[in-house]
Amino acid sequence: MVMDLWGLLLRRLGVATLNFAMLGRWAGHVLQGRIRHQAIAKAEPVRHELALGWVIHYGIGVLFAGLLVVLVGERWLQAPTLGPALLVGLGTVVAPLCFMQPIMGAGFFASRTPTPARNCLKSLVTHFVFGVGLFLSAAMIVSP
């Protein structure tokens, strides 16, 4: 949710953010047997792609939160600290930069976009914010 609030703030400031419909479109095409695209935005739309994209977005977030607990142990949940959450949050940036963007046509590290460095920086900051969200979520759960 923290990452989504960050995205909302960016959109209000006029900064383009991820369109989750494209994630849903990609997933819909995967179900039809097509994994890689030259430009996902030009691919045939799929039914309910925006809803599908949001479900996948939250599902991946839950998996990454679980990864944090696996990596640092369940004791972290009893007394969460910011460091491990930030490291995992920042580490998850590998997924979009090295997997999702290339198979959706944007290239490794957004190299096929008009502003690769800016896009990479936005991804890095967004995943930093995700790490903050991981910490805040755990801290809110354990606080009396």
N, C-alpha and C. Protein backbone atom coordinates (compact mmCIF):
# COMPACT_ATOMS: atom_id res chain seq x y z
N MET A 1 0.81 -1.19 0.00
CA MET A 1 0.00 0.00 0.00
C MET A 1 0.87 1.27 0.00
N VAL A 2 1.99 1.23 0.71
CA VAL A 2 2.88 2.40 0.74
C VAL A 2 3.39 2.68 -0.66
N MET A 3 3.74 1.62 -1.38
CA MET A 3 4.23 1.78 -2.75
C MET A 3 3.13 2.37 -3.65
N ASP A 4 1.90 1.96 -3.41
CA ASP A 4 0.78 2.49 -4.20
C ASP A 4 0.52 3.96 -3.88
N LEU A 5 0.64 4.33 -2.61
CA LEU A 5 0.50 5.75 -2.24
C LEU A 5 1.61 6.57 -2.89
N TRP A 6 2.80 6.01 -2.95
CA TRP A 6 3.93 6.67 -3.62
C TRP A 6 3.58 6.88 -5.10
N GLY A 7 3.04 5.85 -5.74
CA GLY A 7 2.65 5.96 -7.15
C GLY A 7 1.58 7.02 -7.35
N LEU A 8 0.64 7.09 -6.44
CA LEU A 8 -0.42 8.10 -6.52
C LEU A 8 0.18 9.50 -6.41
N LEU A 9 1.11 9.69 -5.49
CA LEU A 9 1.79 10.98 -5.34
C LEU A 9 2.53 11.34 -6.63
N LEU A 10 3.25 10.39 -7.19
CA LEU A 10 3.98 10.65 -8.44
C LEU A 10 3.03 11.07 -9.56
N ARG A 11 1.91 10.35 -9.69
CA ARG A 11 0.94 10.70 -10.74
C ARG A 11 0.38 12.10 -10.53
N ARG A 12 0.12 12.47 -9.29
CA ARG A 12 -0.39 13.82 -9.00
C ARG A 12 0.65 14.89 -9.33
N LEU A 13 1.92 14.51 -9.26
CA LEU A 13 3.00 15.43 -9.61
C LEU A 13 3.32 15.39 -11.11
N GLY A 14 2.56 14.59 -11.87
CA GLY A 14 2.76 14.52 -13.31
C GLY A 14 3.85 13.56 -13.75
N VAL A 15 4.28 12.68 -12.86
CA VAL A 15 5.32 11.71 -13.20
C VAL A 15 4.65 10.42 -13.65
N ALA A 16 5.01 9.94 -14.83
CA ALA A 16 4.43 8.70 -15.35
C ALA A 16 4.86 7.53 -14.48
N THR A 17 3.91 6.64 -14.20
CA THR A 17 4.18 5.45 -13.39
C THR A 17 3.74 4.21 -14.16
N LEU A 18 4.01 3.07 -13.56
CA LEU A 18 3.67 1.80 -14.19
C LEU A 18 2.17 1.70 -14.42
N ASN A 19 1.80 1.28 -15.62
CA ASN A 19 0.41 1.02 -15.94
C ASN A 19 0.19 -0.47 -15.71
N PHE A 20 -0.53 -0.81 -14.64
CA PHE A 20 -0.72 -2.21 -14.29
C PHE A 20 -1.51 -2.98 -15.34
N ALA A 21 -2.20 -2.29 -16.22
CA ALA A 21 -2.87 -2.98 -17.32
C ALA A 21 -1.86 -3.69 -18.21
N MET A 22 -0.66 -3.11 -18.35
CA MET A 22 0.37 -3.75 -19.18
C MET A 22 0.88 -5.04 -18.54
N LEU A 23 0.95 -5.07 -17.22
CA LEU A 23 1.31 -6.29 -16.51
C LEU A 23 0.23 -7.34 -16.72
N GLY A 24 -1.02 -6.93 -16.61
CA GLY A 24 -2.14 -7.84 -16.86
C GLY A 24 -2.18 -8.31 -18.30
N ARG A 25 -1.89 -7.42 -19.23
CA ARG A 25 -1.85 -7.79 -20.65
C ARG A 25 -0.77 -8.85 -20.88
N TRP A 26 0.40 -8.61 -20.30
CA TRP A 26 1.49 -9.58 -20.45
C TRP A 26 1.06 -10.93 -19.89
N ALA A 27 0.46 -10.94 -18.69
CA ALA A 27 0.03 -12.20 -18.07
C ALA A 27 -1.01 -12.90 -18.93
N GLY A 28 -1.93 -12.13 -19.50
CA GLY A 28 -2.92 -12.72 -20.38
C GLY A 28 -2.30 -13.38 -21.59
N HIS A 29 -1.27 -12.76 -22.14
CA HIS A 29 -0.57 -13.35 -23.28
C HIS A 29 0.24 -14.58 -22.87
N VAL A 30 0.78 -14.57 -21.64
CA VAL A 30 1.50 -15.75 -21.15
C VAL A 30 0.55 -16.94 -21.11
N LEU A 31 -0.67 -16.71 -20.66
CA LEU A 31 -1.66 -17.79 -20.61
C LEU A 31 -2.00 -18.32 -22.00
N GLN A 32 -1.77 -17.50 -23.02
CA GLN A 32 -2.01 -17.91 -24.41
C GLN A 32 -0.73 -18.45 -25.06
N GLY A 33 0.36 -18.52 -24.28
CA GLY A 33 1.60 -19.10 -24.78
C GLY A 33 2.64 -18.12 -25.28
N ARG A 34 2.38 -16.83 -25.19
CA ARG A 34 3.37 -15.85 -25.65
C ARG A 34 3.96 -15.13 -24.46
N ILE A 35 5.27 -15.27 -24.28
CA ILE A 35 5.94 -14.70 -23.12
C ILE A 35 6.63 -13.39 -23.45
N ARG A 36 7.31 -13.33 -24.56
CA ARG A 36 8.15 -12.18 -24.90
C ARG A 36 7.45 -11.28 -25.92
N HIS A 37 7.63 -9.97 -25.75
CA HIS A 37 7.01 -8.99 -26.65
C HIS A 37 8.03 -7.94 -27.06
N GLN A 38 7.86 -7.40 -28.25
CA GLN A 38 8.68 -6.27 -28.69
C GLN A 38 8.23 -4.99 -28.01
N ALA A 39 6.93 -4.85 -27.82
CA ALA A 39 6.36 -3.69 -27.12
C ALA A 39 4.99 -4.10 -26.59
N ILE A 40 4.90 -4.35 -25.30
CA ILE A 40 3.66 -4.85 -24.71
C ILE A 40 2.49 -3.90 -24.95
N ALA A 41 2.74 -2.61 -25.02
CA ALA A 41 1.66 -1.64 -25.24
C ALA A 41 1.01 -1.82 -26.61
N LYS A 42 1.75 -2.39 -27.56
CA LYS A 42 1.20 -2.61 -28.90
C LYS A 42 0.57 -3.98 -29.06
N ALA A 43 0.72 -4.83 -28.05
CA ALA A 43 0.13 -6.17 -28.10
C ALA A 43 -1.39 -6.07 -27.97
N GLU A 44 -2.06 -7.07 -28.45
CA GLU A 44 -3.52 -7.13 -28.37
C GLU A 44 -3.96 -7.07 -26.90
N PRO A 45 -4.88 -6.15 -26.57
CA PRO A 45 -5.38 -6.10 -25.19
C PRO A 45 -6.05 -7.42 -24.81
N VAL A 46 -6.05 -7.73 -23.51
CA VAL A 46 -6.73 -8.93 -23.02
C VAL A 46 -7.83 -8.49 -22.06
N ARG A 47 -8.82 -9.33 -21.95
CA ARG A 47 -9.98 -9.02 -21.11
C ARG A 47 -9.56 -8.85 -19.64
N HIS A 48 -10.02 -7.82 -19.01
CA HIS A 48 -9.77 -7.54 -17.59
C HIS A 48 -8.29 -7.36 -17.27
N GLU A 49 -7.53 -6.83 -18.22
CA GLU A 49 -6.08 -6.72 -18.02
C GLU A 49 -5.71 -5.82 -16.85
N LEU A 50 -6.44 -4.76 -16.61
CA LEU A 50 -6.10 -3.88 -15.49
C LEU A 50 -6.30 -4.59 -14.15
N ALA A 51 -7.44 -5.24 -14.00
CA ALA A 51 -7.69 -5.99 -12.75
C ALA A 51 -6.66 -7.10 -12.57
N LEU A 52 -6.36 -7.80 -13.64
CA LEU A 52 -5.36 -8.87 -13.58
C LEU A 52 -4.01 -8.30 -13.18
N GLY A 53 -3.65 -7.16 -13.73
CA GLY A 53 -2.38 -6.53 -13.39
C GLY A 53 -2.29 -6.15 -11.92
N TRP A 54 -3.36 -5.62 -11.37
CA TRP A 54 -3.37 -5.26 -9.94
C TRP A 54 -3.26 -6.50 -9.07
N VAL A 55 -3.97 -7.57 -9.41
CA VAL A 55 -3.90 -8.81 -8.63
C VAL A 55 -2.47 -9.35 -8.65
N ILE A 56 -1.85 -9.35 -9.80
CA ILE A 56 -0.47 -9.83 -9.91
C ILE A 56 0.47 -8.93 -9.11
N HIS A 57 0.29 -7.63 -9.22
CA HIS A 57 1.11 -6.66 -8.48
C HIS A 57 1.07 -6.96 -6.98
N TYR A 58 -0.13 -7.12 -6.43
CA TYR A 58 -0.24 -7.40 -5.00
C TYR A 58 0.28 -8.79 -4.66
N GLY A 59 0.04 -9.76 -5.53
CA GLY A 59 0.56 -11.11 -5.29
C GLY A 59 2.07 -11.14 -5.22
N ILE A 60 2.72 -10.42 -6.13
CA ILE A 60 4.18 -10.35 -6.12
C ILE A 60 4.66 -9.65 -4.85
N GLY A 61 3.97 -8.60 -4.45
CA GLY A 61 4.34 -7.91 -3.21
C GLY A 61 4.28 -8.82 -2.00
N VAL A 62 3.25 -9.64 -1.93
CA VAL A 62 3.11 -10.60 -0.82
C VAL A 62 4.25 -11.62 -0.87
N LEU A 63 4.57 -12.10 -2.07
CA LEU A 63 5.69 -13.05 -2.20
C LEU A 63 7.01 -12.42 -1.76
N PHE A 64 7.25 -11.18 -2.15
CA PHE A 64 8.48 -10.51 -1.73
C PHE A 64 8.50 -10.28 -0.21
N ALA A 65 7.35 -9.99 0.38
CA ALA A 65 7.28 -9.85 1.84
C ALA A 65 7.63 -11.18 2.50
N GLY A 66 7.12 -12.26 1.93
CA GLY A 66 7.46 -13.59 2.44
C GLY A 66 8.94 -13.88 2.30
N LEU A 67 9.53 -13.43 1.19
CA LEU A 67 10.97 -13.61 0.98
C LEU A 67 11.76 -12.91 2.08
N LEU A 68 11.33 -11.73 2.47
CA LEU A 68 12.00 -11.01 3.56
C LEU A 68 12.03 -11.87 4.82
N VAL A 69 10.89 -12.44 5.18
CA VAL A 69 10.82 -13.26 6.39
C VAL A 69 11.69 -14.51 6.25
N VAL A 70 11.69 -15.12 5.07
CA VAL A 70 12.54 -16.30 4.84
C VAL A 70 14.01 -15.93 4.99
N LEU A 71 14.41 -14.80 4.45
CA LEU A 71 15.82 -14.41 4.48
C LEU A 71 16.30 -14.00 5.87
N VAL A 72 15.49 -13.29 6.62
CA VAL A 72 15.95 -12.78 7.91
C VAL A 72 15.40 -13.56 9.10
N GLY A 73 14.42 -14.39 8.87
CA GLY A 73 13.86 -15.20 9.95
C GLY A 73 12.62 -14.58 10.56
N GLU A 74 11.82 -15.45 11.15
CA GLU A 74 10.55 -15.02 11.74
C GLU A 74 10.74 -14.09 12.94
N ARG A 75 11.90 -14.15 13.57
CA ARG A 75 12.15 -13.28 14.73
C ARG A 75 12.09 -11.80 14.33
N TRP A 76 12.42 -11.52 13.07
CA TRP A 76 12.35 -10.13 12.59
C TRP A 76 10.94 -9.57 12.75
N LEU A 77 9.94 -10.43 12.57
CA LEU A 77 8.55 -9.98 12.70
C LEU A 77 8.21 -9.53 14.11
N GLN A 78 8.93 -10.05 15.11
CA GLN A 78 8.68 -9.68 16.50
C GLN A 78 9.30 -8.32 16.84
N ALA A 79 10.39 -7.98 16.14
CA ALA A 79 11.07 -6.69 16.37
C ALA A 79 11.66 -6.22 15.05
N PRO A 80 10.80 -5.77 14.13
CA PRO A 80 11.29 -5.39 12.80
C PRO A 80 12.24 -4.20 12.84
N THR A 81 13.23 -4.26 11.97
CA THR A 81 14.18 -3.15 11.80
C THR A 81 14.15 -2.74 10.34
N LEU A 82 14.53 -1.50 10.10
CA LEU A 82 14.42 -0.94 8.76
C LEU A 82 15.41 -1.56 7.77
N GLY A 83 16.64 -1.83 8.21
CA GLY A 83 17.69 -2.29 7.31
C GLY A 83 17.34 -3.48 6.44
N PRO A 84 16.93 -4.61 7.02
CA PRO A 84 16.59 -5.77 6.19
C PRO A 84 15.45 -5.49 5.21
N ALA A 85 14.46 -4.72 5.66
CA ALA A 85 13.33 -4.40 4.78
C ALA A 85 13.79 -3.56 3.59
N LEU A 86 14.68 -2.59 3.84
CA LEU A 86 15.20 -1.78 2.74
C LEU A 86 16.04 -2.61 1.78
N LEU A 87 16.87 -3.50 2.33
CA LEU A 87 17.71 -4.34 1.46
C LEU A 87 16.86 -5.23 0.57
N VAL A 88 15.84 -5.84 1.14
CA VAL A 88 14.96 -6.69 0.33
C VAL A 88 14.18 -5.83 -0.66
N GLY A 89 13.66 -4.70 -0.21
CA GLY A 89 12.94 -3.80 -1.13
C GLY A 89 13.80 -3.39 -2.30
N LEU A 90 15.03 -2.96 -2.02
CA LEU A 90 15.94 -2.57 -3.10
C LEU A 90 16.33 -3.76 -3.96
N GLY A 91 16.50 -4.92 -3.33
CA GLY A 91 16.86 -6.12 -4.09
C GLY A 91 15.79 -6.55 -5.07
N THR A 92 14.54 -6.26 -4.75
CA THR A 92 13.45 -6.67 -5.64
C THR A 92 13.43 -5.88 -6.94
N VAL A 93 14.20 -4.81 -7.03
CA VAL A 93 14.24 -4.02 -8.26
C VAL A 93 14.84 -4.83 -9.41
N VAL A 94 15.54 -5.90 -9.08
CA VAL A 94 16.09 -6.78 -10.12
C VAL A 94 14.96 -7.37 -10.97
N ALA A 95 13.82 -7.67 -10.36
CA ALA A 95 12.72 -8.29 -11.09
C ALA A 95 12.24 -7.43 -12.27
N PRO A 96 11.90 -6.16 -12.06
CA PRO A 96 11.47 -5.38 -13.22
C PRO A 96 12.60 -5.05 -14.18
N LEU A 97 13.77 -4.70 -13.66
CA LEU A 97 14.85 -4.24 -14.54
C LEU A 97 15.47 -5.36 -15.37
N CYS A 98 15.51 -6.56 -14.83
CA CYS A 98 16.20 -7.66 -15.52
C CYS A 98 15.28 -8.76 -16.02
N PHE A 99 14.01 -8.71 -15.66
CA PHE A 99 13.08 -9.74 -16.12
C PHE A 99 11.86 -9.14 -16.81
N MET A 100 11.07 -8.37 -16.07
CA MET A 100 9.81 -7.88 -16.63
C MET A 100 10.01 -6.91 -17.79
N GLN A 101 10.88 -5.92 -17.63
CA GLN A 101 11.07 -4.96 -18.71
C GLN A 101 11.61 -5.61 -19.98
N PRO A 102 12.60 -6.49 -19.88
CA PRO A 102 13.08 -7.13 -21.12
C PRO A 102 12.00 -7.95 -21.83
N ILE A 103 11.22 -8.74 -21.08
CA ILE A 103 10.23 -9.58 -21.77
C ILE A 103 9.02 -8.79 -22.25
N MET A 104 8.85 -7.57 -21.74
CA MET A 104 7.75 -6.72 -22.20
C MET A 104 8.20 -5.76 -23.30
N GLY A 105 9.49 -5.82 -23.65
CA GLY A 105 9.97 -5.03 -24.77
C GLY A 105 10.74 -3.77 -24.42
N ALA A 106 10.91 -3.48 -23.13
CA ALA A 106 11.61 -2.26 -22.73
C ALA A 106 13.12 -2.45 -22.61
N GLY A 107 13.59 -3.69 -22.70
CA GLY A 107 15.02 -3.97 -22.62
C GLY A 107 15.53 -4.08 -21.19
N PHE A 108 16.72 -4.66 -21.06
CA PHE A 108 17.36 -4.74 -19.75
C PHE A 108 17.64 -3.33 -19.24
N PHE A 109 17.30 -3.11 -17.98
CA PHE A 109 17.50 -1.80 -17.36
C PHE A 109 16.87 -0.68 -18.19
N ALA A 110 15.70 -0.98 -18.77
CA ALA A 110 14.93 0.00 -19.54
C ALA A 110 15.70 0.57 -20.73
N SER A 111 16.63 -0.21 -21.26
CA SER A 111 17.53 0.28 -22.32
C SER A 111 16.82 0.63 -23.62
N ARG A 112 15.62 0.12 -23.84
CA ARG A 112 14.89 0.42 -25.08
C ARG A 112 13.83 1.51 -24.87
N THR A 113 13.94 2.24 -23.78
CA THR A 113 13.03 3.35 -23.53
C THR A 113 13.75 4.66 -23.83
N PRO A 114 13.01 5.75 -24.01
CA PRO A 114 13.66 7.03 -24.30
C PRO A 114 14.56 7.55 -23.17
N THR A 115 14.26 7.18 -21.92
CA THR A 115 15.04 7.68 -20.78
C THR A 115 15.41 6.53 -19.84
N PRO A 116 16.33 5.67 -20.25
CA PRO A 116 16.66 4.50 -19.43
C PRO A 116 17.14 4.84 -18.02
N ALA A 117 18.05 5.80 -17.89
CA ALA A 117 18.58 6.13 -16.56
C ALA A 117 17.48 6.64 -15.64
N ARG A 118 16.64 7.50 -16.16
CA ARG A 118 15.53 8.03 -15.35
C ARG A 118 14.57 6.91 -14.95
N ASN A 119 14.26 6.02 -15.88
CA ASN A 119 13.35 4.92 -15.57
C ASN A 119 13.94 3.98 -14.53
N CYS A 120 15.23 3.72 -14.64
CA CYS A 120 15.90 2.87 -13.64
C CYS A 120 15.88 3.54 -12.27
N LEU A 121 16.13 4.82 -12.23
CA LEU A 121 16.11 5.55 -10.97
C LEU A 121 14.71 5.53 -10.35
N LYS A 122 13.68 5.73 -11.17
CA LYS A 122 12.31 5.66 -10.67
C LYS A 122 12.02 4.28 -10.09
N SER A 123 12.46 3.23 -10.77
CA SER A 123 12.26 1.87 -10.27
C SER A 123 12.98 1.67 -8.95
N LEU A 124 14.21 2.16 -8.88
CA LEU A 124 15.01 2.01 -7.66
C LEU A 124 14.34 2.73 -6.48
N VAL A 125 13.89 3.95 -6.70
CA VAL A 125 13.23 4.70 -5.63
C VAL A 125 11.91 4.02 -5.24
N THR A 126 11.16 3.56 -6.21
CA THR A 126 9.89 2.88 -5.92
C THR A 126 10.12 1.64 -5.07
N HIS A 127 11.16 0.89 -5.38
CA HIS A 127 11.44 -0.33 -4.61
C HIS A 127 12.03 0.00 -3.23
N PHE A 128 12.70 1.13 -3.12
CA PHE A 128 13.12 1.64 -1.81
C PHE A 128 11.88 1.92 -0.96
N VAL A 129 10.91 2.59 -1.57
CA VAL A 129 9.65 2.89 -0.89
C VAL A 129 8.94 1.59 -0.51
N PHE A 130 9.00 0.58 -1.37
CA PHE A 130 8.43 -0.73 -1.04
C PHE A 130 9.09 -1.29 0.22
N GLY A 131 10.40 -1.16 0.31
CA GLY A 131 11.12 -1.61 1.50
C GLY A 131 10.65 -0.88 2.75
N VAL A 132 10.45 0.43 2.63
CA VAL A 132 9.91 1.20 3.76
C VAL A 132 8.54 0.66 4.14
N GLY A 133 7.73 0.35 3.13
CA GLY A 133 6.40 -0.21 3.38
C GLY A 133 6.46 -1.56 4.07
N LEU A 134 7.43 -2.39 3.70
CA LEU A 134 7.60 -3.68 4.38
C LEU A 134 7.86 -3.46 5.87
N PHE A 135 8.77 -2.53 6.15
CA PHE A 135 9.09 -2.23 7.55
C PHE A 135 7.89 -1.67 8.30
N LEU A 136 7.23 -0.67 7.72
CA LEU A 136 6.10 -0.04 8.40
C LEU A 136 4.97 -1.03 8.65
N SER A 137 4.73 -1.91 7.69
CA SER A 137 3.68 -2.92 7.86
C SER A 137 3.99 -3.83 9.03
N ALA A 138 5.23 -4.32 9.08
CA ALA A 138 5.62 -5.20 10.18
C ALA A 138 5.58 -4.46 11.51
N ALA A 139 6.05 -3.21 11.52
CA ALA A 139 6.06 -2.43 12.76
C ALA A 139 4.65 -2.17 13.26
N MET A 140 3.71 -1.93 12.36
CA MET A 140 2.33 -1.68 12.76
C MET A 140 1.68 -2.94 13.32
N ILE A 141 2.08 -4.08 12.80
CA ILE A 141 1.51 -5.35 13.28
C ILE A 141 1.95 -5.63 14.71
N VAL A 142 3.21 -5.33 15.03
CA VAL A 142 3.73 -5.67 16.37
C VAL A 142 3.49 -4.58 17.40
N SER A 143 3.17 -3.37 16.98
CA SER A 143 2.97 -2.29 17.96
C SER A 143 1.65 -2.50 18.70
N PRO A 144 1.64 -2.19 20.00
CA PRO A 144 0.42 -2.42 20.81
C PRO A 144 -0.70 -1.47 20.44
